[in-house]
Amino acid sequence: MHAVALPEGRRKSVGFAYALWMFFGLLGLHRLYLGHVLSAAGMAAITLVSLPLVWSGLGLLGLVAAGSWALADALLIPGMTKSSNEAAMAAAAAAPAAEALA
């Protein structure tokens, strides 16, 4: 089996993921970038529903939950980036094998 290296344009960057986390962490854009679409949508939904409800206290609870999730992601981003890159490499390695069988 041949070793497959992803082109620079397809590899996910830890630095870029942290930049997204820093500026758009409560919206989950770093998760979307790393391929975690459902959890990114959930994080964005919690934040966007909580913002208009801040006056009631329920919104504050939602923002605390999303903020805690975002803070935990600060520790998880390197691992999520690694698994995203490994999944992309596995898909790239499987593509030539599938073409050879066809």
N, C-alpha and C. Protein backbone atom coordinates (compact mmCIF):
# COMPACT_ATOMS: atom_id res chain seq x y z
N MET A 1 0.85 -1.18 0.00
CA MET A 1 0.00 0.00 0.00
C MET A 1 0.89 1.24 0.00
N HIS A 2 0.49 2.25 -0.75
CA HIS A 2 1.27 3.46 -0.87
C HIS A 2 0.88 4.47 0.21
N ALA A 3 1.87 5.21 0.68
CA ALA A 3 1.59 6.27 1.63
C ALA A 3 0.94 7.44 0.89
N VAL A 4 -0.06 8.01 1.49
CA VAL A 4 -0.78 9.11 0.86
C VAL A 4 -0.58 10.36 1.71
N ALA A 5 -0.15 11.43 1.06
CA ALA A 5 -0.02 12.71 1.75
C ALA A 5 -1.06 13.66 1.16
N LEU A 6 -1.73 14.37 2.03
CA LEU A 6 -2.72 15.33 1.56
C LEU A 6 -2.02 16.58 1.04
N PRO A 7 -2.55 17.16 -0.03
CA PRO A 7 -2.00 18.45 -0.46
C PRO A 7 -2.23 19.50 0.62
N GLU A 8 -1.36 20.49 0.65
CA GLU A 8 -1.44 21.53 1.67
C GLU A 8 -2.82 22.17 1.72
N GLY A 9 -3.49 22.33 0.59
CA GLY A 9 -4.79 22.98 0.56
C GLY A 9 -5.90 22.17 1.21
N ARG A 10 -5.72 20.85 1.34
CA ARG A 10 -6.77 20.01 1.91
C ARG A 10 -6.54 19.69 3.37
N ARG A 11 -5.34 19.93 3.89
CA ARG A 11 -5.05 19.67 5.30
C ARG A 11 -5.68 20.74 6.16
N LYS A 12 -6.25 20.32 7.27
CA LYS A 12 -6.83 21.27 8.22
C LYS A 12 -5.73 21.80 9.12
N SER A 13 -5.78 23.09 9.40
CA SER A 13 -4.76 23.76 10.19
C SER A 13 -5.25 23.99 11.62
N VAL A 14 -4.41 23.63 12.58
CA VAL A 14 -4.73 23.88 13.99
C VAL A 14 -4.80 25.38 14.24
N GLY A 15 -3.88 26.13 13.66
CA GLY A 15 -3.87 27.58 13.85
C GLY A 15 -5.13 28.26 13.34
N PHE A 16 -5.57 27.84 12.15
CA PHE A 16 -6.80 28.43 11.59
C PHE A 16 -8.01 28.03 12.43
N ALA A 17 -8.02 26.77 12.91
CA ALA A 17 -9.12 26.33 13.77
C ALA A 17 -9.16 27.17 15.05
N TYR A 18 -7.99 27.46 15.63
CA TYR A 18 -7.95 28.32 16.82
C TYR A 18 -8.39 29.75 16.51
N ALA A 19 -8.06 30.25 15.32
CA ALA A 19 -8.51 31.60 14.94
C ALA A 19 -10.03 31.64 14.84
N LEU A 20 -10.62 30.62 14.22
CA LEU A 20 -12.08 30.54 14.16
C LEU A 20 -12.68 30.43 15.55
N TRP A 21 -12.03 29.64 16.40
CA TRP A 21 -12.51 29.48 17.78
C TRP A 21 -12.46 30.80 18.53
N MET A 22 -11.39 31.55 18.32
CA MET A 22 -11.21 32.81 19.04
C MET A 22 -12.29 33.84 18.67
N PHE A 23 -12.60 33.93 17.37
CA PHE A 23 -13.52 34.97 16.92
C PHE A 23 -14.97 34.51 16.81
N PHE A 24 -15.18 33.21 16.54
CA PHE A 24 -16.54 32.70 16.33
C PHE A 24 -16.81 31.44 17.14
N GLY A 25 -16.15 31.32 18.29
CA GLY A 25 -16.25 30.11 19.08
C GLY A 25 -17.66 29.76 19.53
N LEU A 26 -18.43 30.76 19.94
CA LEU A 26 -19.79 30.48 20.41
C LEU A 26 -20.71 30.03 19.28
N LEU A 27 -20.33 30.33 18.04
CA LEU A 27 -21.14 29.90 16.90
C LEU A 27 -20.69 28.54 16.35
N GLY A 28 -19.57 28.03 16.84
CA GLY A 28 -19.12 26.70 16.44
C GLY A 28 -18.48 26.63 15.07
N LEU A 29 -18.00 27.74 14.53
CA LEU A 29 -17.40 27.70 13.19
C LEU A 29 -16.13 26.86 13.16
N HIS A 30 -15.41 26.77 14.26
CA HIS A 30 -14.22 25.92 14.30
C HIS A 30 -14.61 24.45 14.14
N ARG A 31 -15.75 24.07 14.71
CA ARG A 31 -16.23 22.69 14.57
C ARG A 31 -16.68 22.42 13.14
N LEU A 32 -17.32 23.39 12.51
CA LEU A 32 -17.74 23.24 11.13
C LEU A 32 -16.52 23.07 10.22
N TYR A 33 -15.50 23.86 10.43
CA TYR A 33 -14.25 23.78 9.66
C TYR A 33 -13.62 22.40 9.80
N LEU A 34 -13.70 21.81 10.98
CA LEU A 34 -13.07 20.52 11.24
C LEU A 34 -13.97 19.34 10.89
N GLY A 35 -15.15 19.61 10.34
CA GLY A 35 -16.01 18.54 9.86
C GLY A 35 -17.04 18.03 10.84
N HIS A 36 -17.19 18.66 11.98
CA HIS A 36 -18.18 18.26 12.98
C HIS A 36 -19.44 19.10 12.77
N VAL A 37 -20.17 18.78 11.71
CA VAL A 37 -21.27 19.63 11.25
C VAL A 37 -22.44 19.66 12.25
N LEU A 38 -22.84 18.50 12.75
CA LEU A 38 -24.00 18.47 13.66
C LEU A 38 -23.73 19.20 14.97
N SER A 39 -22.55 18.98 15.54
CA SER A 39 -22.25 19.67 16.80
C SER A 39 -22.06 21.17 16.56
N ALA A 40 -21.56 21.55 15.39
CA ALA A 40 -21.45 22.98 15.07
C ALA A 40 -22.83 23.60 14.97
N ALA A 41 -23.76 22.90 14.33
CA ALA A 41 -25.13 23.40 14.22
C ALA A 41 -25.79 23.51 15.59
N GLY A 42 -25.54 22.53 16.45
CA GLY A 42 -26.09 22.58 17.80
C GLY A 42 -25.54 23.74 18.61
N MET A 43 -24.24 23.98 18.48
CA MET A 43 -23.61 25.08 19.21
C MET A 43 -24.16 26.43 18.72
N ALA A 44 -24.28 26.57 17.40
CA ALA A 44 -24.82 27.80 16.84
C ALA A 44 -26.27 27.99 17.26
N ALA A 45 -27.04 26.92 17.27
CA ALA A 45 -28.45 27.02 17.66
C ALA A 45 -28.60 27.46 19.12
N ILE A 46 -27.80 26.87 20.00
CA ILE A 46 -27.86 27.27 21.41
C ILE A 46 -27.54 28.75 21.56
N THR A 47 -26.50 29.20 20.89
CA THR A 47 -26.10 30.61 20.99
C THR A 47 -27.16 31.54 20.41
N LEU A 48 -27.64 31.22 19.21
CA LEU A 48 -28.59 32.12 18.55
C LEU A 48 -29.95 32.15 19.23
N VAL A 49 -30.36 31.04 19.83
CA VAL A 49 -31.63 31.04 20.58
C VAL A 49 -31.45 31.76 21.91
N SER A 50 -30.26 31.66 22.49
CA SER A 50 -30.03 32.27 23.80
C SER A 50 -29.90 33.79 23.76
N LEU A 51 -29.39 34.32 22.67
CA LEU A 51 -29.16 35.77 22.62
C LEU A 51 -30.43 36.60 22.85
N PRO A 52 -31.54 36.31 22.17
CA PRO A 52 -32.73 37.13 22.45
C PRO A 52 -33.36 36.85 23.82
N LEU A 53 -32.98 35.75 24.46
CA LEU A 53 -33.56 35.39 25.74
C LEU A 53 -32.70 35.79 26.94
N VAL A 54 -31.66 36.57 26.70
CA VAL A 54 -30.75 36.96 27.79
C VAL A 54 -31.50 37.66 28.91
N TRP A 55 -32.46 38.48 28.58
CA TRP A 55 -33.20 39.23 29.59
C TRP A 55 -33.95 38.32 30.56
N SER A 56 -34.29 37.10 30.14
CA SER A 56 -35.10 36.22 30.99
C SER A 56 -34.26 35.35 31.92
N GLY A 57 -32.99 35.31 31.71
CA GLY A 57 -32.15 34.43 32.52
C GLY A 57 -31.94 33.09 31.83
N LEU A 58 -32.91 32.63 31.08
CA LEU A 58 -32.76 31.38 30.34
C LEU A 58 -31.68 31.52 29.28
N GLY A 59 -31.61 32.69 28.68
CA GLY A 59 -30.58 32.96 27.69
C GLY A 59 -29.20 32.93 28.29
N LEU A 60 -29.08 33.42 29.52
CA LEU A 60 -27.78 33.37 30.19
C LEU A 60 -27.34 31.93 30.41
N LEU A 61 -28.28 31.08 30.75
CA LEU A 61 -27.96 29.67 30.94
C LEU A 61 -27.45 29.06 29.63
N GLY A 62 -28.11 29.39 28.52
CA GLY A 62 -27.67 28.89 27.23
C GLY A 62 -26.30 29.41 26.84
N LEU A 63 -26.03 30.68 27.10
CA LEU A 63 -24.73 31.25 26.78
C LEU A 63 -23.63 30.66 27.66
N VAL A 64 -23.94 30.38 28.92
CA VAL A 64 -22.96 29.73 29.79
C VAL A 64 -22.65 28.32 29.27
N ALA A 65 -23.69 27.62 28.82
CA ALA A 65 -23.48 26.27 28.27
C ALA A 65 -22.62 26.33 27.01
N ALA A 66 -22.95 27.23 26.09
CA ALA A 66 -22.17 27.36 24.85
C ALA A 66 -20.75 27.83 25.14
N GLY A 67 -20.61 28.74 26.10
CA GLY A 67 -19.28 29.22 26.48
C GLY A 67 -18.43 28.13 27.10
N SER A 68 -19.04 27.30 27.93
CA SER A 68 -18.30 26.18 28.53
C SER A 68 -17.88 25.18 27.46
N TRP A 69 -18.77 24.93 26.52
CA TRP A 69 -18.47 24.04 25.41
C TRP A 69 -17.31 24.59 24.59
N ALA A 70 -17.33 25.90 24.32
CA ALA A 70 -16.26 26.54 23.55
C ALA A 70 -14.94 26.47 24.31
N LEU A 71 -14.97 26.66 25.62
CA LEU A 71 -13.73 26.57 26.40
C LEU A 71 -13.17 25.14 26.39
N ALA A 72 -14.04 24.16 26.46
CA ALA A 72 -13.58 22.77 26.38
C ALA A 72 -12.97 22.49 25.01
N ASP A 73 -13.54 23.09 23.98
CA ASP A 73 -13.01 22.90 22.63
C ASP A 73 -11.60 23.43 22.49
N ALA A 74 -11.23 24.41 23.29
CA ALA A 74 -9.86 24.92 23.24
C ALA A 74 -8.85 23.80 23.48
N LEU A 75 -9.21 22.84 24.30
CA LEU A 75 -8.33 21.70 24.57
C LEU A 75 -8.50 20.60 23.52
N LEU A 76 -9.65 20.56 22.87
CA LEU A 76 -9.96 19.48 21.94
C LEU A 76 -9.57 19.77 20.50
N ILE A 77 -9.30 21.01 20.15
CA ILE A 77 -9.03 21.37 18.76
C ILE A 77 -7.85 20.60 18.16
N PRO A 78 -6.72 20.43 18.84
CA PRO A 78 -5.62 19.67 18.21
C PRO A 78 -6.03 18.24 17.86
N GLY A 79 -6.74 17.57 18.74
CA GLY A 79 -7.18 16.21 18.46
C GLY A 79 -8.22 16.15 17.36
N MET A 80 -9.14 17.12 17.34
CA MET A 80 -10.14 17.14 16.27
C MET A 80 -9.48 17.39 14.92
N THR A 81 -8.45 18.25 14.89
CA THR A 81 -7.73 18.52 13.65
C THR A 81 -7.01 17.28 13.17
N LYS A 82 -6.36 16.58 14.09
CA LYS A 82 -5.64 15.36 13.73
C LYS A 82 -6.59 14.31 13.17
N SER A 83 -7.73 14.10 13.82
CA SER A 83 -8.67 13.08 13.33
C SER A 83 -9.29 13.50 12.00
N SER A 84 -9.51 14.79 11.79
CA SER A 84 -10.03 15.26 10.52
C SER A 84 -9.03 15.02 9.39
N ASN A 85 -7.76 15.31 9.65
CA ASN A 85 -6.72 15.07 8.65
C ASN A 85 -6.54 13.58 8.39
N GLU A 86 -6.61 12.75 9.43
CA GLU A 86 -6.48 11.30 9.24
C GLU A 86 -7.64 10.74 8.42
N ALA A 87 -8.85 11.23 8.67
CA ALA A 87 -10.01 10.78 7.90
C ALA A 87 -9.88 11.18 6.44
N ALA A 88 -9.37 12.38 6.18
CA ALA A 88 -9.18 12.83 4.80
C ALA A 88 -8.11 12.00 4.10
N MET A 89 -7.04 11.65 4.83
CA MET A 89 -6.00 10.81 4.24
C MET A 89 -6.53 9.41 3.94
N ALA A 90 -7.35 8.87 4.83
CA ALA A 90 -7.93 7.55 4.59
C ALA A 90 -8.85 7.58 3.38
N ALA A 91 -9.61 8.64 3.23
CA ALA A 91 -10.49 8.76 2.08
C ALA A 91 -9.68 8.90 0.79
N ALA A 92 -8.58 9.66 0.86
CA ALA A 92 -7.73 9.83 -0.32
C ALA A 92 -7.04 8.52 -0.69
N ALA A 93 -6.68 7.71 0.31
CA ALA A 93 -6.04 6.43 0.04
C ALA A 93 -7.04 5.43 -0.52
N ALA A 94 -8.29 5.52 -0.10
CA ALA A 94 -9.31 4.58 -0.56
C ALA A 94 -9.77 4.90 -1.98
N ALA A 95 -9.69 6.14 -2.39
CA ALA A 95 -10.17 6.54 -3.71
C ALA A 95 -9.42 5.83 -4.84
N PRO A 96 -8.08 5.79 -4.85
CA PRO A 96 -7.39 5.06 -5.93
C PRO A 96 -7.68 3.56 -5.90
N ALA A 97 -7.85 3.01 -4.72
CA ALA A 97 -8.14 1.59 -4.61
C ALA A 97 -9.52 1.28 -5.19
N ALA A 98 -10.48 2.16 -4.95
CA ALA A 98 -11.82 1.97 -5.50
C ALA A 98 -11.80 2.11 -7.02
N GLU A 99 -10.98 3.04 -7.55
CA GLU A 99 -10.88 3.21 -9.00
C GLU A 99 -10.24 1.99 -9.63
N ALA A 100 -9.29 1.35 -8.98
CA ALA A 100 -8.62 0.19 -9.53
C ALA A 100 -9.59 -0.99 -9.62
N LEU A 101 -10.53 -1.07 -8.69
CA LEU A 101 -11.50 -2.17 -8.70
C LEU A 101 -12.58 -1.96 -9.77
N ALA A 102 -12.82 -0.72 -10.16
CA ALA A 102 -13.90 -0.43 -11.11
C ALA A 102 -13.55 -0.78 -12.53
